[in-house]
């Protein structure tokens, strides 16, 4: 079982710019994915006018995207 500090690090809130850097995509791509519906929507939430993303949610979303891709497609 991790410490409180380790838990906080795993649940760190990321900005749009940090998510774009993590995924190596433009900011506009991240914003576009916040407007999608279904599995293409990137998991995030609004704090006032600002989007925030939990790092663990983003990493899980990446894995689901990877697993969802068929070999050879």
PDB file of N, CA and C in Angstrom:
ATOM      1  N   UNK A   1       0.847  -1.178   0.000  1.00  0.00           N
ATOM      2  CA  UNK A   1       0.000   0.000   0.000  1.00  0.00           C
ATOM      3  C   UNK A   1       0.891   1.240   0.000  1.00  0.00           C
ATOM      4  N   UNK A   2       0.619   2.199  -0.884  1.00  0.00           N
ATOM      5  CA  UNK A   2       1.447   3.382  -1.033  1.00  0.00           C
ATOM      6  C   UNK A   2       1.185   4.411   0.047  1.00  0.00           C
ATOM      7  N   UNK A   3       2.107   5.323   0.174  1.00  0.00           N
ATOM      8  CA  UNK A   3       1.953   6.411   1.124  1.00  0.00           C
ATOM      9  C   UNK A   3       0.987   7.444   0.554  1.00  0.00           C
ATOM     10  N   UNK A   4       0.573   8.369   1.410  1.00  0.00           N
ATOM     11  CA  UNK A   4      -0.324   9.439   0.959  1.00  0.00           C
ATOM     12  C   UNK A   4       0.356  10.251  -0.145  1.00  0.00           C
ATOM     13  N   UNK A   5       1.653  10.522   0.004  1.00  0.00           N
ATOM     14  CA  UNK A   5       2.388  11.290  -1.010  1.00  0.00           C
ATOM     15  C   UNK A   5       2.418  10.551  -2.336  1.00  0.00           C
ATOM     16  N   UNK A   6       2.641   9.224  -2.309  1.00  0.00           N
ATOM     17  CA  UNK A   6       2.645   8.436  -3.543  1.00  0.00           C
ATOM     18  C   UNK A   6       1.270   8.457  -4.195  1.00  0.00           C
ATOM     19  N   UNK A   7       0.218   8.371  -3.395  1.00  0.00           N
ATOM     20  CA  UNK A   7      -1.145   8.420  -3.922  1.00  0.00           C
ATOM     21  C   UNK A   7      -1.405   9.755  -4.580  1.00  0.00           C
ATOM     22  N   UNK A   8      -0.981  10.839  -3.948  1.00  0.00           N
ATOM     23  CA  UNK A   8      -1.158  12.169  -4.536  1.00  0.00           C
ATOM     24  C   UNK A   8      -0.415  12.285  -5.856  1.00  0.00           C
ATOM     25  N   UNK A   9       0.792  11.734  -5.934  1.00  0.00           N
ATOM     26  CA  UNK A   9       1.563  11.798  -7.169  1.00  0.00           C
ATOM     27  C   UNK A   9       0.855  11.031  -8.280  1.00  0.00           C
ATOM     28  N   UNK A  10       0.254   9.893  -7.967  1.00  0.00           N
ATOM     29  CA  UNK A  10      -0.448   9.095  -8.964  1.00  0.00           C
ATOM     30  C   UNK A  10      -1.737   9.773  -9.414  1.00  0.00           C
ATOM     31  N   UNK A  11      -2.342  10.565  -8.555  1.00  0.00           N
ATOM     32  CA  UNK A  11      -3.585  11.249  -8.890  1.00  0.00           C
ATOM     33  C   UNK A  11      -3.352  12.725  -9.189  1.00  0.00           C
ATOM     34  N   UNK A  12      -2.140  13.054  -9.600  1.00  0.00           N
ATOM     35  CA  UNK A  12      -1.803  14.443  -9.904  1.00  0.00           C
ATOM     36  C   UNK A  12      -2.747  14.983 -10.971  1.00  0.00           C
ATOM     37  N   UNK A  13      -3.157  16.224 -10.786  1.00  0.00           N
ATOM     38  CA  UNK A  13      -4.002  16.879 -11.783  1.00  0.00           C
ATOM     39  C   UNK A  13      -3.110  17.537 -12.820  1.00  0.00           C
ATOM     40  N   UNK A  14      -3.410  17.257 -14.063  1.00  0.00           N
ATOM     41  CA  UNK A  14      -2.636  17.794 -15.176  1.00  0.00           C
ATOM     42  C   UNK A  14      -3.436  18.875 -15.887  1.00  0.00           C
ATOM     43  N   UNK A  15      -2.734  19.833 -16.446  1.00  0.00           N
ATOM     44  CA  UNK A  15      -3.350  20.860 -17.278  1.00  0.00           C
ATOM     45  C   UNK A  15      -3.456  20.339 -18.711  1.00  0.00           C
ATOM     46  N   UNK A  16      -4.136  21.077 -19.550  1.00  0.00           N
ATOM     47  CA  UNK A  16      -4.234  20.722 -20.967  1.00  0.00           C
ATOM     48  C   UNK A  16      -2.835  20.669 -21.582  1.00  0.00           C
ATOM     49  N   UNK A  17      -2.000  21.638 -21.250  1.00  0.00           N
ATOM     50  CA  UNK A  17      -0.639  21.677 -21.796  1.00  0.00           C
ATOM     51  C   UNK A  17       0.167  20.455 -21.351  1.00  0.00           C
ATOM     52  N   UNK A  18       0.007  20.034 -20.104  1.00  0.00           N
ATOM     53  CA  UNK A  18       0.736  18.870 -19.611  1.00  0.00           C
ATOM     54  C   UNK A  18       0.258  17.583 -20.274  1.00  0.00           C
ATOM     55  N   UNK A  19      -1.054  17.487 -20.507  1.00  0.00           N
ATOM     56  CA  UNK A  19      -1.585  16.311 -21.205  1.00  0.00           C
ATOM     57  C   UNK A  19      -1.071  16.287 -22.645  1.00  0.00           C
ATOM     58  N   UNK A  20      -1.081  17.446 -23.297  1.00  0.00           N
ATOM     59  CA  UNK A  20      -0.578  17.525 -24.672  1.00  0.00           C
ATOM     60  C   UNK A  20       0.890  17.116 -24.721  1.00  0.00           C
ATOM     61  N   UNK A  21       1.661  17.543 -23.749  1.00  0.00           N
ATOM     62  CA  UNK A  21       3.079  17.172 -23.701  1.00  0.00           C
ATOM     63  C   UNK A  21       3.232  15.674 -23.446  1.00  0.00           C
ATOM     64  N   UNK A  22       2.452  15.146 -22.521  1.00  0.00           N
ATOM     65  CA  UNK A  22       2.506  13.713 -22.209  1.00  0.00           C
ATOM     66  C   UNK A  22       2.191  12.870 -23.439  1.00  0.00           C
ATOM     67  N   UNK A  23       1.170  13.281 -24.190  1.00  0.00           N
ATOM     68  CA  UNK A  23       0.738  12.532 -25.369  1.00  0.00           C
ATOM     69  C   UNK A  23       1.487  12.941 -26.638  1.00  0.00           C
ATOM     70  N   UNK A  24       2.253  14.018 -26.532  1.00  0.00           N
ATOM     71  CA  UNK A  24       2.993  14.556 -27.691  1.00  0.00           C
ATOM     72  C   UNK A  24       2.063  14.903 -28.848  1.00  0.00           C
ATOM     73  N   UNK A  25       1.034  15.670 -28.502  1.00  0.00           N
ATOM     74  CA  UNK A  25       0.055  16.138 -29.481  1.00  0.00           C
ATOM     75  C   UNK A  25      -0.152  17.638 -29.263  1.00  0.00           C
ATOM     76  N   UNK A  26      -0.738  18.333 -30.237  1.00  0.00           N
ATOM     77  CA  UNK A  26      -1.025  19.763 -30.056  1.00  0.00           C
ATOM     78  C   UNK A  26      -2.118  19.997 -29.010  1.00  0.00           C
ATOM     79  N   UNK A  27      -2.110  21.182 -28.419  1.00  0.00           N
ATOM     80  CA  UNK A  27      -3.156  21.561 -27.457  1.00  0.00           C
ATOM     81  C   UNK A  27      -4.543  21.411 -28.067  1.00  0.00           C
ATOM     82  N   UNK A  28      -4.671  21.810 -29.324  1.00  0.00           N
ATOM     83  CA  UNK A  28      -5.985  21.756 -29.986  1.00  0.00           C
ATOM     84  C   UNK A  28      -6.517  20.328 -30.035  1.00  0.00           C
ATOM     85  N   UNK A  29      -5.648  19.343 -30.159  1.00  0.00           N
ATOM     86  CA  UNK A  29      -6.060  17.938 -30.193  1.00  0.00           C
ATOM     87  C   UNK A  29      -6.680  17.550 -28.855  1.00  0.00           C
ATOM     88  N   UNK A  30      -6.046  17.979 -27.762  1.00  0.00           N
ATOM     89  CA  UNK A  30      -6.573  17.669 -26.421  1.00  0.00           C
ATOM     90  C   UNK A  30      -7.935  18.329 -26.246  1.00  0.00           C
ATOM     91  N   UNK A  31      -8.043  19.619 -26.591  1.00  0.00           N
ATOM     92  CA  UNK A  31      -9.332  20.312 -26.477  1.00  0.00           C
ATOM     93  C   UNK A  31     -10.393  19.621 -27.324  1.00  0.00           C
ATOM     94  N   UNK A  32     -10.022  19.193 -28.528  1.00  0.00           N
ATOM     95  CA  UNK A  32     -10.967  18.491 -29.402  1.00  0.00           C
ATOM     96  C   UNK A  32     -11.472  17.214 -28.736  1.00  0.00           C
ATOM     97  N   UNK A  33     -10.582  16.483 -28.076  1.00  0.00           N
ATOM     98  CA  UNK A  33     -10.973  15.225 -27.416  1.00  0.00           C
ATOM     99  C   UNK A  33     -11.846  15.472 -26.194  1.00  0.00           C
ATOM    100  N   UNK A  34     -11.844  16.678 -25.624  1.00  0.00           N
ATOM    101  CA  UNK A  34     -12.747  16.968 -24.508  1.00  0.00           C
ATOM    102  C   UNK A  34     -14.175  17.160 -24.995  1.00  0.00           C
ATOM    103  N   UNK A  35     -14.336  17.435 -26.292  1.00  0.00           N
ATOM    104  CA  UNK A  35     -15.670  17.657 -26.869  1.00  0.00           C
ATOM    105  C   UNK A  35     -16.254  16.400 -27.505  1.00  0.00           C
ATOM    106  N   UNK A  36     -15.461  15.355 -27.643  1.00  0.00           N
ATOM    107  CA  UNK A  36     -15.932  14.106 -28.254  1.00  0.00           C
ATOM    108  C   UNK A  36     -16.877  13.385 -27.312  1.00  0.00           C
ATOM    109  N   UNK A  37     -17.575  12.413 -27.869  1.00  0.00           N
ATOM    110  CA  UNK A  37     -18.433  11.543 -27.066  1.00  0.00           C
ATOM    111  C   UNK A  37     -17.906  10.124 -27.175  1.00  0.00           C
ATOM    112  N   UNK A  38     -18.223   9.310 -26.205  1.00  0.00           N
ATOM    113  CA  UNK A  38     -17.853   7.899 -26.258  1.00  0.00           C
ATOM    114  C   UNK A  38     -16.394   7.661 -25.919  1.00  0.00           C
ATOM    115  N   UNK A  39     -15.839   6.600 -26.491  1.00  0.00           N
ATOM    116  CA  UNK A  39     -14.490   6.165 -26.139  1.00  0.00           C
ATOM    117  C   UNK A  39     -13.405   7.128 -26.604  1.00  0.00           C
ATOM    118  N   UNK A  40     -13.713   7.997 -27.571  1.00  0.00           N
ATOM    119  CA  UNK A  40     -12.716   8.964 -28.045  1.00  0.00           C
ATOM    120  C   UNK A  40     -12.528  10.128 -27.082  1.00  0.00           C
ATOM    121  N   UNK A  41     -13.492  10.324 -26.181  1.00  0.00           N
ATOM    122  CA  UNK A  41     -13.419  11.448 -25.236  1.00  0.00           C
ATOM    123  C   UNK A  41     -12.329  11.191 -24.202  1.00  0.00           C
ATOM    124  N   UNK A  42     -11.472  12.151 -24.038  1.00  0.00           N
ATOM    125  CA  UNK A  42     -10.394  12.041 -23.058  1.00  0.00           C
ATOM    126  C   UNK A  42     -10.980  12.342 -21.675  1.00  0.00           C
ATOM    127  N   UNK A  43     -10.644  11.550 -20.665  1.00  0.00           N
ATOM    128  CA  UNK A  43     -11.261  11.742 -19.344  1.00  0.00           C
ATOM    129  C   UNK A  43     -10.700  12.979 -18.645  1.00  0.00           C
ATOM    130  N   UNK A  44     -11.570  13.931 -18.403  1.00  0.00           N
ATOM    131  CA  UNK A  44     -11.172  15.151 -17.720  1.00  0.00           C
ATOM    132  C   UNK A  44     -12.395  15.835 -17.151  1.00  0.00           C
ATOM    133  N   UNK A  45     -12.175  16.932 -16.455  1.00  0.00           N
ATOM    134  CA  UNK A  45     -13.286  17.673 -15.864  1.00  0.00           C
ATOM    135  C   UNK A  45     -12.913  19.147 -15.789  1.00  0.00           C
ATOM    136  N   UNK A  46     -13.934  19.958 -15.653  1.00  0.00           N
ATOM    137  CA  UNK A  46     -13.739  21.403 -15.605  1.00  0.00           C
ATOM    138  C   UNK A  46     -13.681  21.874 -14.158  1.00  0.00           C
ATOM    139  N   UNK A  47     -12.745  22.762 -13.903  1.00  0.00           N
ATOM    140  CA  UNK A  47     -12.683  23.521 -12.654  1.00  0.00           C
ATOM    141  C   UNK A  47     -12.862  24.967 -13.079  1.00  0.00           C
ATOM    142  N   UNK A  48     -14.101  25.426 -13.016  1.00  0.00           N
ATOM    143  CA  UNK A  48     -14.388  26.745 -13.564  1.00  0.00           C
ATOM    144  C   UNK A  48     -14.184  26.713 -15.060  1.00  0.00           C
ATOM    145  N   UNK A  49     -13.313  27.570 -15.572  1.00  0.00           N
ATOM    146  CA  UNK A  49     -13.055  27.582 -17.014  1.00  0.00           C
ATOM    147  C   UNK A  49     -11.861  26.728 -17.414  1.00  0.00           C
ATOM    148  N   UNK A  50     -11.245  26.075 -16.446  1.00  0.00           N
ATOM    149  CA  UNK A  50     -10.026  25.306 -16.708  1.00  0.00           C
ATOM    150  C   UNK A  50     -10.295  23.808 -16.748  1.00  0.00           C
ATOM    151  N   UNK A  51      -9.721  23.137 -17.724  1.00  0.00           N
ATOM    152  CA  UNK A  51      -9.779  21.678 -17.796  1.00  0.00           C
ATOM    153  C   UNK A  51      -8.660  21.093 -16.959  1.00  0.00           C
ATOM    154  N   UNK A  52      -8.974  20.026 -16.223  1.00  0.00           N
ATOM    155  CA  UNK A  52      -7.975  19.284 -15.463  1.00  0.00           C
ATOM    156  C   UNK A  52      -8.179  17.800 -15.725  1.00  0.00           C
ATOM    157  N   UNK A  53      -7.094  17.067 -15.637  1.00  0.00           N
ATOM    158  CA  UNK A  53      -7.089  15.643 -15.948  1.00  0.00           C
ATOM    159  C   UNK A  53      -6.285  14.913 -14.884  1.00  0.00           C
ATOM    160  N   UNK A  54      -6.816  13.800 -14.387  1.00  0.00           N
ATOM    161  CA  UNK A  54      -6.044  12.972 -13.459  1.00  0.00           C
ATOM    162  C   UNK A  54      -5.065  12.144 -14.278  1.00  0.00           C
ATOM    163  N   UNK A  55      -3.825  12.126 -13.843  1.00  0.00           N
ATOM    164  CA  UNK A  55      -2.800  11.398 -14.579  1.00  0.00           C
ATOM    165  C   UNK A  55      -3.168   9.926 -14.719  1.00  0.00           C
ATOM    166  N   UNK A  56      -3.683   9.316 -13.659  1.00  0.00           N
ATOM    167  CA  UNK A  56      -4.049   7.897 -13.726  1.00  0.00           C
ATOM    168  C   UNK A  56      -5.165   7.664 -14.734  1.00  0.00           C
ATOM    169  N   UNK A  57      -6.113   8.598 -14.838  1.00  0.00           N
ATOM    170  CA  UNK A  57      -7.199   8.469 -15.819  1.00  0.00           C
ATOM    171  C   UNK A  57      -6.649   8.544 -17.243  1.00  0.00           C
ATOM    172  N   UNK A  58      -5.713   9.446 -17.471  1.00  0.00           N
ATOM    173  CA  UNK A  58      -5.119   9.600 -18.805  1.00  0.00           C
ATOM    174  C   UNK A  58      -4.347   8.342 -19.186  1.00  0.00           C
ATOM    175  N   UNK A  59      -3.556   7.824 -18.265  1.00  0.00           N
ATOM    176  CA  UNK A  59      -2.782   6.617 -18.553  1.00  0.00           C
ATOM    177  C   UNK A  59      -3.697   5.424 -18.829  1.00  0.00           C
ATOM    178  N   UNK A  60      -4.794   5.313 -18.080  1.00  0.00           N
ATOM    179  CA  UNK A  60      -5.772   4.252 -18.331  1.00  0.00           C
ATOM    180  C   UNK A  60      -6.448   4.423 -19.682  1.00  0.00           C
ATOM    181  N   UNK A  61      -6.761   5.666 -20.045  1.00  0.00           N
ATOM    182  CA  UNK A  61      -7.390   5.961 -21.330  1.00  0.00           C
ATOM    183  C   UNK A  61      -6.460   5.577 -22.479  1.00  0.00           C
ATOM    184  N   UNK A  62      -5.170   5.899 -22.308  1.00  0.00           N
ATOM    185  CA  UNK A  62      -4.189   5.528 -23.328  1.00  0.00           C
ATOM    186  C   UNK A  62      -4.181   4.013 -23.515  1.00  0.00           C
ATOM    187  N   UNK A  63      -4.176   3.281 -22.425  1.00  0.00           N
ATOM    188  CA  UNK A  63      -4.149   1.813 -22.503  1.00  0.00           C
ATOM    189  C   UNK A  63      -5.407   1.282 -23.190  1.00  0.00           C
ATOM    190  N   UNK A  64      -6.563   1.856 -22.862  1.00  0.00           N
ATOM    191  CA  UNK A  64      -7.814   1.415 -23.509  1.00  0.00           C
ATOM    192  C   UNK A  64      -7.783   1.710 -24.998  1.00  0.00           C
ATOM    193  N   UNK A  65      -7.178   2.840 -25.402  1.00  0.00           N
ATOM    194  CA  UNK A  65      -7.058   3.167 -26.817  1.00  0.00           C
ATOM    195  C   UNK A  65      -6.156   2.157 -27.514  1.00  0.00           C
ATOM    196  N   UNK A  66      -5.062   1.803 -26.856  1.00  0.00           N
ATOM    197  CA  UNK A  66      -4.108   0.860 -27.423  1.00  0.00           C
ATOM    198  C   UNK A  66      -4.727  -0.521 -27.571  1.00  0.00           C
ATOM    199  N   UNK A  67      -5.423  -0.970 -26.548  1.00  0.00           N
ATOM    200  CA  UNK A  67      -6.048  -2.292 -26.563  1.00  0.00           C
ATOM    201  C   UNK A  67      -7.181  -2.333 -27.577  1.00  0.00           C
ATOM    202  N   UNK A  68      -7.854  -1.211 -27.781  1.00  0.00           N
ATOM    203  CA  UNK A  68      -8.977  -1.152 -28.700  1.00  0.00           C
ATOM    204  C   UNK A  68      -8.581  -1.222 -30.172  1.00  0.00           C
ATOM    205  N   UNK A  69      -7.322  -0.997 -30.454  1.00  0.00           N
ATOM    206  CA  UNK A  69      -6.848  -1.031 -31.844  1.00  0.00           C
ATOM    207  C   UNK A  69      -6.604  -2.485 -32.260  1.00  0.00           C
ATOM    208  N   UNK A  70      -7.164  -2.860 -33.389  1.00  0.00           N
ATOM    209  CA  UNK A  70      -6.974  -4.215 -33.894  1.00  0.00           C
ATOM    210  C   UNK A  70      -5.613  -4.348 -34.553  1.00  0.00           C
ATOM    211  N   UNK A  71      -4.970  -5.489 -34.380  1.00  0.00           N
ATOM    212  CA  UNK A  71      -3.702  -5.705 -35.079  1.00  0.00           C
ATOM    213  C   UNK A  71      -3.900  -5.597 -36.593  1.00  0.00           C
ATOM    214  N   UNK A  72      -2.971  -4.932 -37.250  1.00  0.00           N
ATOM    215  CA  UNK A  72      -3.036  -4.783 -38.710  1.00  0.00           C
ATOM    216  C   UNK A  72      -3.956  -3.677 -39.170  1.00  0.00           C
ATOM    217  N   UNK A  73      -4.621  -3.000 -38.239  1.00  0.00           N
ATOM    218  CA  UNK A  73      -5.550  -1.922 -38.636  1.00  0.00           C
ATOM    219  C   UNK A  73      -4.843  -0.602 -38.684  1.00  0.00           C
TER     220      UNK A  73
END
